[in-house]
N, C-alpha and C. Protein backbone atom coordinates (compact mmCIF):
# COMPACT_ATOMS: atom_id res chain seq x y z
N MET A 1 36.79 -10.65 -7.71
CA MET A 1 35.90 -10.15 -7.90
C MET A 1 34.84 -9.49 -6.67
N LYS A 2 34.88 -10.48 -5.21
CA LYS A 2 34.49 -10.11 -4.27
C LYS A 2 34.94 -8.52 -3.70
N ASN A 3 36.54 -8.82 -3.50
CA ASN A 3 37.12 -7.65 -3.47
C ASN A 3 36.78 -6.46 -4.09
N LEU A 4 36.98 -6.48 -5.60
CA LEU A 4 36.97 -5.39 -6.25
C LEU A 4 35.26 -4.78 -6.15
N THR A 5 33.57 -5.14 -5.62
CA THR A 5 32.71 -5.11 -5.57
C THR A 5 32.53 -4.77 -3.93
N ARG A 6 33.14 -5.21 -3.23
CA ARG A 6 33.64 -4.36 -2.23
C ARG A 6 34.26 -2.71 -2.29
N LEU A 7 34.92 -2.92 -2.95
CA LEU A 7 35.88 -1.54 -3.35
C LEU A 7 34.66 -0.62 -3.58
N GLU A 8 33.85 -1.15 -4.95
CA GLU A 8 33.08 -0.58 -5.54
C GLU A 8 32.45 0.36 -4.23
N GLU A 9 31.52 -0.83 -3.17
CA GLU A 9 30.90 -0.02 -2.01
C GLU A 9 31.24 0.88 -1.37
N LEU A 10 32.34 0.87 -1.26
CA LEU A 10 32.62 1.44 -0.01
C LEU A 10 33.33 2.68 -0.83
N LEU A 11 33.24 2.72 -1.86
CA LEU A 11 33.44 4.37 -2.65
C LEU A 11 32.10 5.06 -3.13
N LEU A 12 30.91 4.43 -3.66
CA LEU A 12 29.80 4.95 -3.04
C LEU A 12 29.44 5.32 -1.83
N ALA A 13 30.12 4.25 -0.69
CA ALA A 13 29.62 4.88 0.17
C ALA A 13 29.94 6.38 0.68
N VAL A 14 31.75 6.60 0.08
CA VAL A 14 31.97 8.12 0.13
C VAL A 14 31.80 8.66 -0.94
N LEU A 15 31.22 8.76 -1.62
CA LEU A 15 30.01 9.40 -2.74
C LEU A 15 29.16 10.02 -1.93
N ALA A 16 28.46 9.58 -0.94
CA ALA A 16 26.97 9.70 -0.21
C ALA A 16 27.53 10.54 0.15
N PHE A 17 28.40 10.29 1.21
CA PHE A 17 29.18 11.67 2.46
C PHE A 17 29.67 12.54 1.53
N TYR A 18 30.35 12.00 0.13
CA TYR A 18 30.53 13.99 -0.72
C TYR A 18 28.93 14.43 -1.07
N LEU A 19 28.61 13.82 -1.24
CA LEU A 19 27.22 14.61 -2.13
C LEU A 19 26.05 15.25 -0.53
N PHE A 20 26.45 14.45 0.77
CA PHE A 20 25.97 15.13 1.78
C PHE A 20 26.43 16.63 2.15
N LEU A 21 27.95 16.59 2.06
CA LEU A 21 28.64 17.56 2.18
C LEU A 21 27.86 19.27 1.09
N SER A 22 27.59 18.46 -0.06
CA SER A 22 27.14 19.57 -1.15
C SER A 22 26.11 20.27 -0.40
N LEU A 23 25.17 19.63 0.45
CA LEU A 23 24.03 20.12 1.12
C LEU A 23 24.13 21.23 1.94
N HIS A 24 25.53 21.20 2.34
CA HIS A 24 25.54 22.31 3.49
C HIS A 24 25.27 22.13 4.89
N ILE A 25 25.37 20.77 5.72
CA ILE A 25 24.75 20.58 6.94
C ILE A 25 25.94 19.97 7.07
N ALA A 26 25.95 20.36 8.63
CA ALA A 26 27.33 19.90 9.49
C ALA A 26 27.75 17.77 9.15
N TRP A 27 28.75 18.39 8.76
CA TRP A 27 29.51 16.69 8.41
C TRP A 27 29.38 15.66 9.25
N TRP A 28 29.39 16.03 10.29
CA TRP A 28 29.31 14.99 11.35
C TRP A 28 27.63 14.13 11.87
N ARG A 29 27.28 14.98 11.04
CA ARG A 29 25.56 14.81 11.33
C ARG A 29 25.64 13.38 10.38
N PHE A 30 26.36 13.09 9.40
CA PHE A 30 26.00 12.12 8.66
C PHE A 30 26.46 10.80 9.44
N PHE A 31 27.58 10.86 10.18
CA PHE A 31 27.76 9.63 11.18
C PHE A 31 27.49 9.36 11.90
N VAL A 32 27.06 10.57 12.59
CA VAL A 32 25.99 10.26 13.92
C VAL A 32 24.26 9.58 13.66
N LEU A 33 24.26 9.85 12.41
CA LEU A 33 22.79 8.91 11.84
C LEU A 33 23.26 7.65 11.22
N LEU A 34 24.34 7.57 10.62
CA LEU A 34 24.95 6.82 10.03
C LEU A 34 23.38 5.19 9.88
N LEU A 35 23.98 5.01 11.39
CA LEU A 35 22.83 3.59 11.98
C LEU A 35 21.84 3.33 11.66
N LEU A 36 21.15 4.74 12.07
CA LEU A 36 19.88 4.76 11.59
C LEU A 36 19.23 4.00 11.01
N PRO A 37 19.69 3.50 10.33
CA PRO A 37 18.93 2.83 9.47
C PRO A 37 18.74 1.29 9.85
N ASP A 38 19.26 0.87 10.78
CA ASP A 38 19.29 -0.20 11.16
C ASP A 38 18.22 -0.81 12.25
N LEU A 39 17.35 0.57 12.43
CA LEU A 39 16.30 0.41 12.99
C LEU A 39 14.65 -0.76 12.14
N GLY A 40 15.01 -0.62 11.40
CA GLY A 40 14.59 -1.58 10.13
C GLY A 40 14.57 -2.52 10.75
N MET A 41 16.13 -3.55 11.23
CA MET A 41 15.23 -4.77 11.60
C MET A 41 14.32 -4.74 12.84
N VAL A 42 13.45 -3.97 13.39
CA VAL A 42 12.71 -4.25 14.43
C VAL A 42 11.79 -4.88 13.98
N GLY A 43 11.31 -4.87 12.41
CA GLY A 43 10.36 -6.23 12.24
C GLY A 43 10.34 -7.14 12.02
N TYR A 44 11.95 -7.68 12.68
CA TYR A 44 11.89 -9.57 12.68
C TYR A 44 12.27 -9.71 14.50
N LEU A 45 11.45 -8.57 14.98
CA LEU A 45 10.55 -9.07 16.49
C LEU A 45 9.32 -9.55 16.20
N LEU A 46 8.26 -9.28 15.47
CA LEU A 46 7.50 -10.31 14.98
C LEU A 46 7.56 -11.39 14.01
N ASN A 47 8.29 -10.94 13.20
CA ASN A 47 8.47 -12.36 12.41
C ASN A 47 9.36 -12.13 11.03
N PRO A 48 10.07 -13.15 11.03
CA PRO A 48 11.26 -13.22 9.86
C PRO A 48 10.75 -12.55 8.39
N ARG A 49 9.40 -12.82 8.18
CA ARG A 49 8.75 -12.06 7.01
C ARG A 49 8.52 -10.53 6.48
N LEU A 50 7.70 -9.79 7.79
CA LEU A 50 7.94 -8.72 8.13
C LEU A 50 9.32 -8.14 8.19
N GLY A 51 10.39 -8.69 8.80
CA GLY A 51 11.43 -8.21 9.21
C GLY A 51 12.20 -7.74 7.95
N ALA A 52 12.19 -8.73 7.31
CA ALA A 52 12.74 -8.51 5.74
C ALA A 52 12.04 -7.66 5.22
N ILE A 53 10.88 -7.67 4.92
CA ILE A 53 10.49 -6.41 4.04
C ILE A 53 10.66 -5.26 4.10
N ILE A 54 10.44 -5.07 5.89
CA ILE A 54 11.21 -3.94 6.26
C ILE A 54 12.47 -3.24 5.94
N TYR A 55 13.24 -4.61 6.44
CA TYR A 55 14.36 -4.45 6.38
C TYR A 55 14.87 -3.61 5.13
N ASP A 56 14.15 -4.31 4.29
CA ASP A 56 14.62 -3.75 2.44
C ASP A 56 14.18 -2.79 2.28
N ILE A 57 13.25 -2.46 2.93
CA ILE A 57 12.86 -1.15 2.07
C ILE A 57 14.00 -0.09 2.46
N VAL A 58 14.11 -0.43 3.90
CA VAL A 58 15.05 0.74 4.24
C VAL A 58 16.75 1.01 3.93
N HIS A 59 17.08 -0.37 3.61
CA HIS A 59 18.23 -0.47 2.36
C HIS A 59 18.18 -0.94 1.51
N HIS A 60 17.10 -1.01 0.48
CA HIS A 60 17.27 -0.69 -0.83
C HIS A 60 17.74 0.68 -1.60
N ARG A 61 18.94 0.94 -2.33
CA ARG A 61 20.04 2.01 -2.75
C ARG A 61 18.46 2.69 -3.50
N GLY A 62 17.91 1.85 -4.63
CA GLY A 62 16.79 2.35 -5.06
C GLY A 62 16.31 3.37 -4.90
N ILE A 63 15.65 2.63 -3.43
CA ILE A 63 14.38 3.94 -2.93
C ILE A 63 15.30 5.11 -2.03
N SER A 64 16.72 4.87 -2.05
CA SER A 64 17.49 5.68 -1.77
C SER A 64 17.87 7.30 -2.45
N VAL A 65 17.54 6.69 -3.50
CA VAL A 65 17.82 7.55 -5.02
C VAL A 65 16.93 8.09 -5.60
N LEU A 66 15.80 7.35 -5.19
CA LEU A 66 14.44 8.34 -5.53
C LEU A 66 14.01 9.00 -4.75
N LEU A 67 14.67 9.00 -3.09
CA LEU A 67 13.90 9.97 -2.38
C LEU A 67 14.84 11.11 -2.57
N PHE A 68 16.58 10.76 -3.13
CA PHE A 68 17.66 12.63 -3.50
C PHE A 68 16.51 13.17 -4.41
N ILE A 69 16.28 12.41 -5.55
CA ILE A 69 15.71 12.72 -6.81
C ILE A 69 14.70 13.54 -6.15
N VAL A 70 13.46 12.85 -5.51
CA VAL A 70 12.55 14.20 -5.10
C VAL A 70 12.41 14.95 -3.95
N GLY A 71 13.66 14.63 -2.91
CA GLY A 71 14.03 16.08 -1.98
C GLY A 71 15.03 16.85 -3.16
N GLY A 72 15.43 16.53 -4.07
CA GLY A 72 15.95 17.75 -4.62
C GLY A 72 15.01 18.74 -6.12
N LEU A 73 13.61 17.77 -6.02
CA LEU A 73 12.90 18.19 -7.33
C LEU A 73 11.98 19.50 -6.69
N LEU A 74 11.72 18.88 -5.13
CA LEU A 74 11.11 19.34 -3.88
C LEU A 74 11.52 20.81 -3.13
N GLN A 75 12.58 20.50 -3.11
CA GLN A 75 14.42 21.64 -2.52
C GLN A 75 13.96 21.33 -0.66
N ILE A 76 14.21 19.51 -0.78
CA ILE A 76 13.91 19.49 0.62
C ILE A 76 15.21 18.84 1.18
N THR A 77 15.47 19.81 1.50
CA THR A 77 16.86 19.14 1.99
C THR A 77 17.22 17.85 3.24
N TRP A 78 16.33 18.35 4.02
CA TRP A 78 16.49 17.17 4.84
C TRP A 78 15.62 15.98 4.27
N LEU A 79 14.90 15.76 3.64
CA LEU A 79 15.01 14.59 2.68
C LEU A 79 16.13 13.79 1.64
N GLN A 80 17.02 14.85 1.27
CA GLN A 80 18.04 14.22 0.63
C GLN A 80 18.97 13.88 1.16
N ALA A 81 19.55 14.57 2.25
CA ALA A 81 20.14 14.50 3.39
C ALA A 81 19.77 12.67 3.70
N ALA A 82 18.44 12.51 4.40
CA ALA A 82 18.37 11.49 5.09
C ALA A 82 18.60 9.83 3.72
N ALA A 83 18.15 10.52 2.49
CA ALA A 83 18.18 9.69 1.24
C ALA A 83 19.71 9.40 1.35
N LEU A 84 20.50 9.97 1.50
CA LEU A 84 21.66 10.00 1.26
C LEU A 84 22.47 9.06 2.27
N ILE A 85 21.78 9.23 3.48
CA ILE A 85 22.26 8.38 5.09
C ILE A 85 22.05 7.00 4.74
N LEU A 86 20.87 6.84 4.26
CA LEU A 86 20.13 5.53 3.57
C LEU A 86 21.42 5.11 2.19
N PHE A 87 21.60 5.23 1.42
CA PHE A 87 22.57 5.14 0.37
C PHE A 87 23.49 4.76 1.12
N GLY A 88 24.27 5.64 1.93
CA GLY A 88 25.72 5.67 2.22
C GLY A 88 25.80 3.97 3.54
N HIS A 89 25.02 4.44 4.11
CA HIS A 89 24.77 2.90 5.39
C HIS A 89 24.32 1.74 4.56
N SER A 90 23.27 1.29 3.25
CA SER A 90 23.59 0.43 2.73
C SER A 90 24.57 0.27 1.54
N SER A 91 25.15 1.04 1.39
CA SER A 91 26.63 0.90 0.27
C SER A 91 27.56 0.36 1.56
N LEU A 92 27.72 0.46 2.99
CA LEU A 92 28.98 0.04 4.18
C LEU A 92 28.38 -1.14 4.37
N ASP A 93 27.34 -1.54 4.50
CA ASP A 93 26.79 -2.40 5.05
C ASP A 93 26.83 -3.54 3.97
N ARG A 94 26.99 -3.71 2.46
CA ARG A 94 27.46 -4.29 1.75
C ARG A 94 29.03 -4.72 1.45
N VAL A 95 29.82 -3.80 2.10
CA VAL A 95 31.28 -3.71 2.37
C VAL A 95 31.18 -4.57 3.30
N LEU A 96 30.58 -4.51 4.45
CA LEU A 96 30.63 -5.84 5.36
C LEU A 96 29.91 -7.08 4.98
N GLY A 97 29.31 -7.29 3.87
CA GLY A 97 28.95 -8.57 3.41
C GLY A 97 27.54 -8.58 3.55
N TYR A 98 26.78 -7.45 4.52
CA TYR A 98 25.19 -7.73 4.42
C TYR A 98 24.72 -7.00 3.65
N GLY A 99 23.43 -8.15 3.04
CA GLY A 99 22.90 -7.59 1.99
C GLY A 99 21.51 -7.77 2.07
N LEU A 100 20.83 -7.27 1.08
CA LEU A 100 18.95 -7.21 1.53
C LEU A 100 18.55 -8.77 1.84
N LYS A 101 17.42 -9.15 2.79
CA LYS A 101 17.56 -10.31 3.37
C LYS A 101 16.39 -11.03 2.85
N TYR A 102 16.36 -12.43 2.80
CA TYR A 102 15.46 -13.08 2.11
C TYR A 102 14.17 -13.66 3.26
N MET A 103 13.16 -14.22 2.90
CA MET A 103 12.38 -13.80 4.09
C MET A 103 12.19 -15.11 4.83
N ASP A 104 13.54 -16.41 4.64
CA ASP A 104 13.66 -17.39 5.91
C ASP A 104 14.25 -16.86 6.67
N SER A 105 15.17 -16.54 6.97
CA SER A 105 15.98 -15.71 8.01
C SER A 105 16.78 -14.42 7.95
N PHE A 106 17.35 -13.96 9.00
CA PHE A 106 17.95 -12.90 8.70
C PHE A 106 19.16 -12.78 8.42
N GLN A 107 19.85 -14.03 8.61
CA GLN A 107 21.05 -14.68 7.64
C GLN A 107 21.15 -14.72 6.14
N HIS A 108 20.11 -14.76 5.60
CA HIS A 108 20.34 -15.18 4.47
C HIS A 108 19.69 -14.18 3.39
N THR A 109 20.78 -13.95 3.21
CA THR A 109 21.08 -12.13 2.04
C THR A 109 21.39 -12.31 0.50
N HIS A 110 20.60 -11.71 -0.15
CA HIS A 110 21.54 -11.77 -1.12
C HIS A 110 22.90 -12.08 -1.71
N LEU A 111 23.34 -11.90 -1.11
CA LEU A 111 25.02 -11.54 -0.96
C LEU A 111 25.60 -13.03 -0.38
N GLY A 112 24.62 -13.60 0.06
CA GLY A 112 24.79 -14.81 0.57
C GLY A 112 24.49 -15.11 2.20
N MET A 113 25.38 -16.19 3.07
CA MET A 113 24.76 -16.66 4.07
C MET A 113 25.54 -15.50 5.13
N ILE A 114 25.45 -14.97 6.14
CA ILE A 114 25.93 -14.69 6.99
C ILE A 114 25.60 -14.91 8.64
N GLY A 115 27.42 -14.34 9.36
CA GLY A 115 26.68 -15.25 10.87
C GLY A 115 27.28 -16.76 10.99
N ARG A 116 25.95 -16.95 11.84
CA ARG A 116 26.93 -18.75 12.33
C ARG A 116 26.77 -19.54 10.98
N ALA A 117 25.45 -19.55 10.37
CA ALA A 117 24.82 -19.77 9.06
C ALA A 117 25.74 -19.96 8.09
N ALA A 118 26.73 -19.13 7.98
CA ALA A 118 27.79 -19.10 7.40
C ALA A 118 28.80 -19.88 6.92
N ASP A 119 28.82 -20.42 8.10
CA ASP A 119 30.25 -21.36 9.07
C ASP A 119 29.60 -22.99 8.58
N ARG A 120 28.00 -23.08 8.13
CA ARG A 120 28.15 -24.38 7.81
C ARG A 120 28.05 -24.59 6.39
């Protein structure tokens, strides 16, 4: 089941890229900006609670879908592009086993423990 879920997430990332192409923006920008959502980890420099809140807002796919819809309704192409980058990034994170964070530590995600904490 875990592999099936990862395949589904990978296909969602491919869908994000496909929709990005429909915006008529240079395809390479998708890949150049794909790691930008990881700046959401900056909150962890202050404390795990704030880090988890910021990280989860940036990596929540519901928010990216909402931003895409708003961008479409208001005809703001850059907002749709940003939403697709967020969506694709979040899907690829889930392929790799990184999920939304709990507030106790960066390693505690909705998909389970990651890093050294997973070895315990």
